[in-house]
Amino acid sequence: QVQVVESGGGLVQPGGSLSLSCVLSGSIIDGYAAAWYRQAAGKQRELVARVYSSKQTDYADSMKGRFTISRDNAKNTVYLQVDSLKPEDTAVYYCVWGPYWGQGTQVTVSE
């Protein structure tokens, strides 16, 4: 059974940084792109960034600059580094690996 599990969310003060991790387990899947999405309360889910098996990355235009996605293929893990956090970054962050979605991890940016 394939599982995608995110971790690293929590409460962070504005201006702080956070590193999210996403681990794929249960199957050896080569070639899948992985991505991070986020969904704020009352808003649609939006793409943050995508990383391909080649490690090439794409970012949503509004996410360029403060977000860094990376992956470790040997560990089946994808990371999302977020810097200079703002209250509007508050959302549930989801990892998707190929067709498999995680349950999400809450990030709250507040004093």
C-alpha atoms as a PDB file:
ATOM      1  CA  GLN A   1       0.000   0.000   0.000  1.00  0.00           C
ATOM      2  CA  VAL A   2       1.397   3.335  -1.028  1.00  0.00           C
ATOM      3  CA  GLN A   3       1.507   6.063   1.579  1.00  0.00           C
ATOM      4  CA  VAL A   4       2.483   9.696   1.375  1.00  0.00           C
ATOM      5  CA  VAL A   5       3.175  11.266   4.755  1.00  0.00           C
ATOM      6  CA  GLU A   6       3.941  14.911   5.355  1.00  0.00           C
ATOM      7  CA  SER A   7       5.619  16.313   8.437  1.00  0.00           C
ATOM      8  CA  GLY A   8       7.167  19.515   9.689  1.00  0.00           C
ATOM      9  CA  GLY A   9       4.163  21.771   9.999  1.00  0.00           C
ATOM     10  CA  GLY A  10       3.409  23.837  13.037  1.00  0.00           C
ATOM     11  CA  LEU A  11       3.109  27.330  14.442  1.00  0.00           C
ATOM     12  CA  VAL A  12       5.714  29.805  13.242  1.00  0.00           C
ATOM     13  CA  GLN A  13       6.132  33.503  13.814  1.00  0.00           C
ATOM     14  CA  PRO A  14       6.056  35.871  10.857  1.00  0.00           C
ATOM     15  CA  GLY A  15       9.476  36.121   9.291  1.00  0.00           C
ATOM     16  CA  GLY A  16      10.420  32.646  10.396  1.00  0.00           C
ATOM     17  CA  SER A  17      11.280  29.582   8.345  1.00  0.00           C
ATOM     18  CA  LEU A  18       9.938  26.088   8.099  1.00  0.00           C
ATOM     19  CA  SER A  19      11.003  22.885   6.434  1.00  0.00           C
ATOM     20  CA  LEU A  20       8.372  20.381   5.413  1.00  0.00           C
ATOM     21  CA  SER A  21       9.097  16.787   4.504  1.00  0.00           C
ATOM     22  CA  CYS A  22       7.114  14.278   2.514  1.00  0.00           C
ATOM     23  CA  VAL A  23       7.949  10.601   2.505  1.00  0.00           C
ATOM     24  CA  LEU A  24       6.628   8.098   0.000  1.00  0.00           C
ATOM     25  CA  SER A  25       6.485   4.556   1.263  1.00  0.00           C
ATOM     26  CA  GLY A  26       5.071   1.235   0.275  1.00  0.00           C
ATOM     27  CA  SER A  27       6.243   1.126  -3.278  1.00  0.00           C
ATOM     28  CA  ILE A  28       9.250   1.874  -5.367  1.00  0.00           C
ATOM     29  CA  ILE A  29       8.080   4.360  -7.910  1.00  0.00           C
ATOM     30  CA  ASP A  30      10.507   5.826 -10.365  1.00  0.00           C
ATOM     31  CA  GLY A  31       9.880   8.772 -12.586  1.00  0.00           C
ATOM     32  CA  TYR A  32       7.012  10.365 -10.716  1.00  0.00           C
ATOM     33  CA  ALA A  33       6.990  14.085 -10.225  1.00  0.00           C
ATOM     34  CA  ALA A  34       6.214  15.265  -6.728  1.00  0.00           C
ATOM     35  CA  ALA A  35       4.618  18.518  -5.713  1.00  0.00           C
ATOM     36  CA  TRP A  36       3.488  20.605  -2.814  1.00  0.00           C
ATOM     37  CA  TYR A  37       0.088  22.264  -2.785  1.00  0.00           C
ATOM     38  CA  ARG A  38      -1.530  24.343  -0.113  1.00  0.00           C
ATOM     39  CA  GLN A  39      -5.060  25.216   0.847  1.00  0.00           C
ATOM     40  CA  ALA A  40      -5.985  28.068   3.107  1.00  0.00           C
ATOM     41  CA  ALA A  41      -9.305  28.098   4.896  1.00  0.00           C
ATOM     42  CA  GLY A  42     -12.068  29.058   2.524  1.00  0.00           C
ATOM     43  CA  LYS A  43      -9.800  29.062  -0.512  1.00  0.00           C
ATOM     44  CA  GLN A  44      -9.024  26.696  -3.324  1.00  0.00           C
ATOM     45  CA  ARG A  45      -6.053  24.408  -3.220  1.00  0.00           C
ATOM     46  CA  GLU A  46      -3.132  25.931  -5.098  1.00  0.00           C
ATOM     47  CA  LEU A  47       0.141  24.634  -6.428  1.00  0.00           C
ATOM     48  CA  VAL A  48       3.252  25.747  -4.595  1.00  0.00           C
ATOM     49  CA  ALA A  49       5.990  23.906  -6.450  1.00  0.00           C
ATOM     50  CA  ARG A  50       6.783  20.726  -8.357  1.00  0.00           C
ATOM     51  CA  VAL A  51       9.968  18.692  -8.622  1.00  0.00           C
ATOM     52  CA  TYR A  52      10.601  16.054 -11.251  1.00  0.00           C
ATOM     53  CA  SER A  53      12.622  12.880 -10.911  1.00  0.00           C
ATOM     54  CA  SER A  54      15.401  14.726 -12.729  1.00  0.00           C
ATOM     55  CA  LYS A  55      15.250  17.247  -9.853  1.00  0.00           C
ATOM     56  CA  GLN A  56      14.155  19.983 -12.207  1.00  0.00           C
ATOM     57  CA  THR A  57      11.757  22.291 -10.403  1.00  0.00           C
ATOM     58  CA  ASP A  58       8.784  24.466 -11.239  1.00  0.00           C
ATOM     59  CA  TYR A  59       7.230  27.103  -9.015  1.00  0.00           C
ATOM     60  CA  ALA A  60       3.920  28.853  -9.161  1.00  0.00           C
ATOM     61  CA  ASP A  61       4.606  32.472 -10.040  1.00  0.00           C
ATOM     62  CA  SER A  62       3.345  33.722  -6.693  1.00  0.00           C
ATOM     63  CA  MET A  63       5.596  31.270  -4.834  1.00  0.00           C
ATOM     64  CA  LYS A  64       8.908  32.161  -6.439  1.00  0.00           C
ATOM     65  CA  GLY A  65      11.551  33.487  -4.101  1.00  0.00           C
ATOM     66  CA  ARG A  66      10.558  32.224  -0.647  1.00  0.00           C
ATOM     67  CA  PHE A  67       9.838  28.572  -1.397  1.00  0.00           C
ATOM     68  CA  THR A  68      12.401  25.922  -2.268  1.00  0.00           C
ATOM     69  CA  ILE A  69      11.444  22.409  -3.266  1.00  0.00           C
ATOM     70  CA  SER A  70      13.899  19.545  -3.422  1.00  0.00           C
ATOM     71  CA  ARG A  71      13.910  15.771  -3.399  1.00  0.00           C
ATOM     72  CA  ASP A  72      16.082  12.888  -2.358  1.00  0.00           C
ATOM     73  CA  ASN A  73      15.264  10.015  -4.662  1.00  0.00           C
ATOM     74  CA  ALA A  74      17.207   7.517  -2.575  1.00  0.00           C
ATOM     75  CA  LYS A  75      15.060   8.336   0.439  1.00  0.00           C
ATOM     76  CA  ASN A  76      11.793   8.791  -1.490  1.00  0.00           C
ATOM     77  CA  THR A  77      11.511  12.145   0.225  1.00  0.00           C
ATOM     78  CA  VAL A  78      10.509  15.573  -0.991  1.00  0.00           C
ATOM     79  CA  TYR A  79      11.207  18.735   0.951  1.00  0.00           C
ATOM     80  CA  LEU A  80       9.758  22.213   0.967  1.00  0.00           C
ATOM     81  CA  GLN A  81      11.722  25.000   2.585  1.00  0.00           C
ATOM     82  CA  VAL A  82       9.723  28.126   3.272  1.00  0.00           C
ATOM     83  CA  ASP A  83      11.454  31.324   4.340  1.00  0.00           C
ATOM     84  CA  SER A  84      10.239  34.748   5.446  1.00  0.00           C
ATOM     85  CA  LEU A  85       6.872  33.301   6.375  1.00  0.00           C
ATOM     86  CA  LYS A  86       3.836  35.552   6.273  1.00  0.00           C
ATOM     87  CA  PRO A  87       0.441  35.154   7.910  1.00  0.00           C
ATOM     88  CA  GLU A  88      -1.031  34.568   4.455  1.00  0.00           C
ATOM     89  CA  ASP A  89       1.113  31.432   4.185  1.00  0.00           C
ATOM     90  CA  THR A  90      -1.152  29.861   6.784  1.00  0.00           C
ATOM     91  CA  ALA A  91      -2.650  26.798   5.165  1.00  0.00           C
ATOM     92  CA  VAL A  92      -2.693  23.054   5.060  1.00  0.00           C
ATOM     93  CA  TYR A  93       0.233  21.954   2.918  1.00  0.00           C
ATOM     94  CA  TYR A  94      -0.245  18.808   0.899  1.00  0.00           C
ATOM     95  CA  CYS A  95       2.290  16.628  -0.809  1.00  0.00           C
ATOM     96  CA  VAL A  96       1.397  14.695  -3.922  1.00  0.00           C
ATOM     97  CA  TRP A  97       3.650  12.088  -5.443  1.00  0.00           C
ATOM     98  CA  GLY A  98       2.454  10.873  -8.799  1.00  0.00           C
ATOM     99  CA  PRO A  99      -1.225  10.115  -8.196  1.00  0.00           C
ATOM    100  CA  TYR A 100      -0.840   9.760  -4.433  1.00  0.00           C
ATOM    101  CA  TRP A 101      -1.822  12.513  -2.010  1.00  0.00           C
ATOM    102  CA  GLY A 102      -0.862  12.900   1.607  1.00  0.00           C
ATOM    103  CA  GLN A 103      -3.202  13.991   4.364  1.00  0.00           C
ATOM    104  CA  GLY A 104      -1.593  17.380   4.717  1.00  0.00           C
ATOM    105  CA  THR A 105       0.268  19.231   7.428  1.00  0.00           C
ATOM    106  CA  GLN A 106      -0.962  22.446   8.991  1.00  0.00           C
ATOM    107  CA  VAL A 107       1.250  25.513   8.852  1.00  0.00           C
ATOM    108  CA  THR A 108       0.137  28.476  10.924  1.00  0.00           C
ATOM    109  CA  VAL A 109       1.998  31.764  10.770  1.00  0.00           C
ATOM    110  CA  SER A 110       1.059  33.979  13.664  1.00  0.00           C
ATOM    111  CA  GLU A 111       2.423  35.976  16.546  1.00  0.00           C
END
